[in-house]
Amino acid sequence: MTSVPTTAGSMNVRGRERSNATAAGARVGSLLRRSAPWLIASALAFAGLAKLNDPTPASDFLVDLVSVRSVGLVRVIAAVEVALALWLIVGVGRRAALLAAAAAFTGFAVVHGWASGAGVATACGCAGAGTPLDSVPAEGWIGINAGLALLAALAVARPRDRATTPGARGGGADGPGEGDST
Protein backbone atom coordinates (compact mmCIF):
# COMPACT_ATOMS: atom_id res chain seq x y z
CA MET A 1 0.00 0.00 0.00
CA THR A 2 1.49 3.30 -1.04
CA SER A 3 0.67 6.59 0.47
CA VAL A 4 0.60 9.84 -1.35
CA PRO A 5 2.50 12.49 0.51
CA THR A 6 0.58 15.66 1.09
CA THR A 7 2.15 19.02 1.16
CA ALA A 8 1.09 22.16 2.87
CA GLY A 9 0.35 23.62 -0.57
CA SER A 10 -2.13 20.89 -1.46
CA MET A 11 -3.83 21.29 1.92
CA ASN A 12 -4.20 25.01 1.27
CA VAL A 13 -5.74 24.32 -2.14
CA ARG A 14 -8.31 21.99 -0.55
CA GLY A 15 -9.01 24.54 2.13
CA ARG A 16 -9.52 27.26 -0.49
CA GLU A 17 -11.80 24.96 -2.51
CA ARG A 18 -13.88 24.27 0.58
CA SER A 19 -13.95 27.97 1.39
CA ASN A 20 -14.99 28.83 -2.18
CA ALA A 21 -17.74 26.20 -2.06
CA THR A 22 -19.00 27.64 1.23
CA ALA A 23 -18.97 31.14 -0.22
CA ALA A 24 -20.85 29.95 -3.32
CA GLY A 25 -23.43 28.24 -1.11
CA ALA A 26 -23.87 31.44 0.88
CA ARG A 27 -24.40 33.41 -2.35
CA VAL A 28 -27.02 30.92 -3.56
CA GLY A 29 -28.75 31.08 -0.17
CA SER A 30 -28.71 34.85 -0.23
CA LEU A 31 -30.11 34.86 -3.77
CA LEU A 32 -32.84 32.41 -2.71
CA ARG A 33 -33.74 34.53 0.31
CA ARG A 34 -33.94 37.70 -1.79
CA SER A 35 -35.61 36.39 -4.97
CA ALA A 36 -38.03 33.76 -3.66
CA PRO A 37 -40.51 36.24 -2.17
CA TRP A 38 -40.61 38.17 -5.45
CA LEU A 39 -41.13 35.05 -7.57
CA ILE A 40 -43.84 33.78 -5.26
CA ALA A 41 -45.51 37.21 -5.06
CA SER A 42 -45.50 37.40 -8.87
CA ALA A 43 -47.27 34.05 -9.18
CA LEU A 44 -49.83 34.98 -6.51
CA ALA A 45 -50.51 38.42 -7.98
CA PHE A 46 -50.86 37.06 -11.52
CA ALA A 47 -53.28 34.32 -10.48
CA GLY A 48 -55.24 36.53 -8.10
CA LEU A 49 -55.65 39.40 -10.55
CA ALA A 50 -56.64 37.00 -13.33
CA LYS A 51 -59.37 35.51 -11.14
CA LEU A 52 -60.56 38.94 -10.01
CA ASN A 53 -60.77 39.98 -13.65
CA ASP A 54 -62.73 36.87 -14.70
CA PRO A 55 -63.80 34.48 -11.92
CA THR A 56 -65.94 32.32 -14.25
CA PRO A 57 -63.30 29.68 -15.21
CA ALA A 58 -62.38 29.04 -11.57
CA SER A 59 -66.07 28.98 -10.63
CA ASP A 60 -66.71 26.40 -13.39
CA PHE A 61 -63.87 24.32 -11.94
CA LEU A 62 -65.57 24.41 -8.52
CA VAL A 63 -68.82 23.21 -10.11
CA ASP A 64 -67.07 20.20 -11.59
CA LEU A 65 -65.12 19.50 -8.40
CA VAL A 66 -67.67 20.02 -5.62
CA SER A 67 -70.93 20.85 -7.48
CA VAL A 68 -71.01 24.39 -6.14
CA ARG A 69 -70.88 27.55 -8.24
CA SER A 70 -69.48 30.37 -6.17
CA VAL A 71 -68.11 33.41 -7.92
CA GLY A 72 -67.94 35.06 -4.50
CA LEU A 73 -65.66 32.33 -3.11
CA VAL A 74 -63.39 32.63 -6.16
CA ARG A 75 -63.17 36.39 -5.63
CA VAL A 76 -62.31 35.92 -1.95
CA ILE A 77 -59.56 33.43 -2.84
CA ALA A 78 -58.28 35.83 -5.51
CA ALA A 79 -58.28 38.77 -3.06
CA VAL A 80 -56.35 36.68 -0.52
CA GLU A 81 -53.78 35.78 -3.22
CA VAL A 82 -53.30 39.45 -4.10
CA ALA A 83 -53.08 40.44 -0.41
CA LEU A 84 -50.50 37.73 0.22
CA ALA A 85 -48.50 38.95 -2.80
CA LEU A 86 -48.52 42.49 -1.40
CA TRP A 87 -47.48 41.21 2.04
CA LEU A 88 -44.50 39.45 0.49
CA ILE A 89 -43.51 42.56 -1.47
CA VAL A 90 -43.80 44.91 1.52
CA GLY A 91 -41.46 42.65 3.46
CA VAL A 92 -42.83 43.17 6.98
CA GLY A 93 -43.03 39.76 8.62
CA ARG A 94 -41.73 38.19 5.44
CA ARG A 95 -41.03 34.79 7.01
CA ALA A 96 -44.64 34.56 8.19
CA ALA A 97 -45.79 35.59 4.72
CA LEU A 98 -43.60 32.90 3.17
CA LEU A 99 -45.09 30.32 5.55
CA ALA A 100 -48.59 31.48 4.57
CA ALA A 101 -47.65 31.23 0.89
CA ALA A 102 -46.23 27.72 1.43
CA ALA A 103 -49.49 26.70 3.11
CA ALA A 104 -51.58 28.26 0.32
CA PHE A 105 -49.63 26.57 -2.46
CA THR A 106 -49.75 23.26 -0.59
CA GLY A 107 -53.53 23.65 -0.37
CA PHE A 108 -53.73 24.45 -4.08
CA ALA A 109 -51.67 21.33 -4.87
CA VAL A 110 -54.01 19.22 -2.73
CA VAL A 111 -57.07 20.62 -4.53
CA HIS A 112 -55.51 19.81 -7.90
CA GLY A 113 -54.62 16.32 -6.66
CA TRP A 114 -58.23 15.88 -5.62
CA ALA A 115 -59.40 17.13 -9.03
CA SER A 116 -57.02 14.75 -10.80
CA GLY A 117 -58.23 11.83 -8.72
CA ALA A 118 -61.86 12.76 -9.33
CA GLY A 119 -61.30 12.94 -13.08
CA VAL A 120 -62.18 16.64 -13.36
CA ALA A 121 -61.28 17.70 -16.88
CA THR A 122 -62.23 21.36 -16.56
CA ALA A 123 -59.35 23.84 -16.55
CA CYS A 124 -58.93 25.23 -13.03
CA GLY A 125 -59.03 28.86 -14.06
CA CYS A 126 -55.98 29.53 -11.90
CA ALA A 127 -54.52 31.93 -14.43
CA GLY A 128 -57.76 33.27 -15.83
CA ALA A 129 -59.25 32.48 -19.21
CA GLY A 130 -57.66 32.67 -22.62
CA THR A 131 -54.04 32.08 -21.55
CA PRO A 132 -51.71 29.27 -22.61
CA LEU A 133 -51.97 28.04 -19.02
CA ASP A 134 -55.57 26.95 -19.69
CA SER A 135 -54.23 23.74 -21.21
CA VAL A 136 -52.11 22.75 -18.20
CA PRO A 137 -53.61 19.54 -16.75
CA ALA A 138 -54.25 19.10 -13.02
CA GLU A 139 -51.03 17.10 -12.69
CA GLY A 140 -49.09 20.07 -14.06
CA TRP A 141 -50.70 22.39 -11.54
CA ILE A 142 -49.83 19.95 -8.76
CA GLY A 143 -46.18 20.27 -9.76
CA ILE A 144 -46.31 24.05 -10.13
CA ASN A 145 -47.98 24.53 -6.74
CA ALA A 146 -45.79 21.98 -4.97
CA GLY A 147 -42.70 23.66 -6.43
CA LEU A 148 -43.80 27.10 -5.26
CA ALA A 149 -44.64 25.70 -1.80
CA LEU A 150 -41.17 24.15 -1.62
CA LEU A 151 -39.54 27.40 -2.74
CA ALA A 152 -41.38 29.32 0.00
CA ALA A 153 -40.45 26.72 2.62
CA LEU A 154 -36.79 26.78 1.58
CA ALA A 155 -36.72 30.56 1.77
CA VAL A 156 -38.06 30.35 5.33
CA ALA A 157 -35.73 27.53 6.35
CA ARG A 158 -32.59 29.14 4.94
CA PRO A 159 -30.70 30.46 7.95
CA ARG A 160 -29.72 34.08 7.94
CA ASP A 161 -26.09 35.09 7.87
CA ARG A 162 -25.46 36.70 11.26
CA ALA A 163 -22.64 38.83 9.92
CA THR A 164 -24.72 40.50 7.22
CA THR A 165 -28.20 40.69 8.79
CA PRO A 166 -28.62 43.83 10.89
CA GLY A 167 -29.79 43.02 14.40
CA ALA A 168 -30.06 39.27 13.81
CA ARG A 169 -29.31 37.19 16.85
CA GLY A 170 -30.18 33.84 15.32
CA GLY A 171 -32.48 31.32 16.89
CA GLY A 172 -36.05 32.39 16.24
CA ALA A 173 -37.93 32.69 12.99
CA ASP A 174 -39.28 36.11 13.93
CA GLY A 175 -36.32 37.57 15.77
CA PRO A 176 -34.75 40.97 15.22
CA GLY A 177 -33.95 41.64 11.64
CA GLU A 178 -37.29 40.17 10.61
CA GLY A 179 -39.01 42.36 8.11
CA ASP A 180 -35.85 43.65 6.53
CA SER A 181 -36.00 43.55 2.78
CA THR A 182 -33.22 40.98 2.34
Foldseek 3Di string as FASTA:
>chain_A
DDDDDDDPVVVVVVVVVVVVVVVVVVVVLVCLLQCLLQVLLVLLLQLLVQCCVPVVLQQVLCCLQPVGRDSPVSNVSSVVSNVLSVCSVQQAQNLVSLQVLLVVLQVLLVSLVSCVVVVPPRQNCRRHPDDPSRPQHSVNSNVVSNVSSVSSVSSQPRFDDPVPQPPDPDDDSCGPSRSDND
